[in-house]
Amino acid sequence: MRNGMKVLISLLFVAIAGLLITTTVINMRQVSTPASKGDVVMFEKPRGVVPGTSFRVTEVLPNGNALAMGCEEESGNCIPEVLFVGDKSMPYYDGQMISVPKGKVAKQTGTLRYGSRNNMKTVPIVKIMAE
């Protein structure tokens, strides 16, 4: 009878440990969708120029917005991630190159905060416009 009880208690501990590990992994993998309004702050007026003469789309979000990395063609320097707001007339796609035309610049129009509980990121929202 004692051996049976020990086995039952051991199985119970294994089941609880498995449940805790599974819950932890699920929580770590859940990422909040960057589309929620609470995570976006739009400025009244555009702010500073974001460096970069071209941007490569790294991910298109379900709402059509695009996360991209910017690069300076002359120096080859890349800047951290930015977000372009989606436009139905010109949808974005992964790997797309967005070039800033002469006489225009990418300006910051807001910020987006997204990520998991333990790994939050804040990126500038940019728009290509006249200098």
Foldseek 3Di string as FASTA:
>chain_A
DVVVVVVVVVVVVVVVVVVVVVVVVVQQPDKDALPDPVQKDFDPDWDDFDDAQKWFFADQGPQQKTKTWGADPVVRDIDDIEIEDGDPVDGDDHGDMGGQDPQKTKTFGIWGWITGPVDIDIHTYIDIDGD
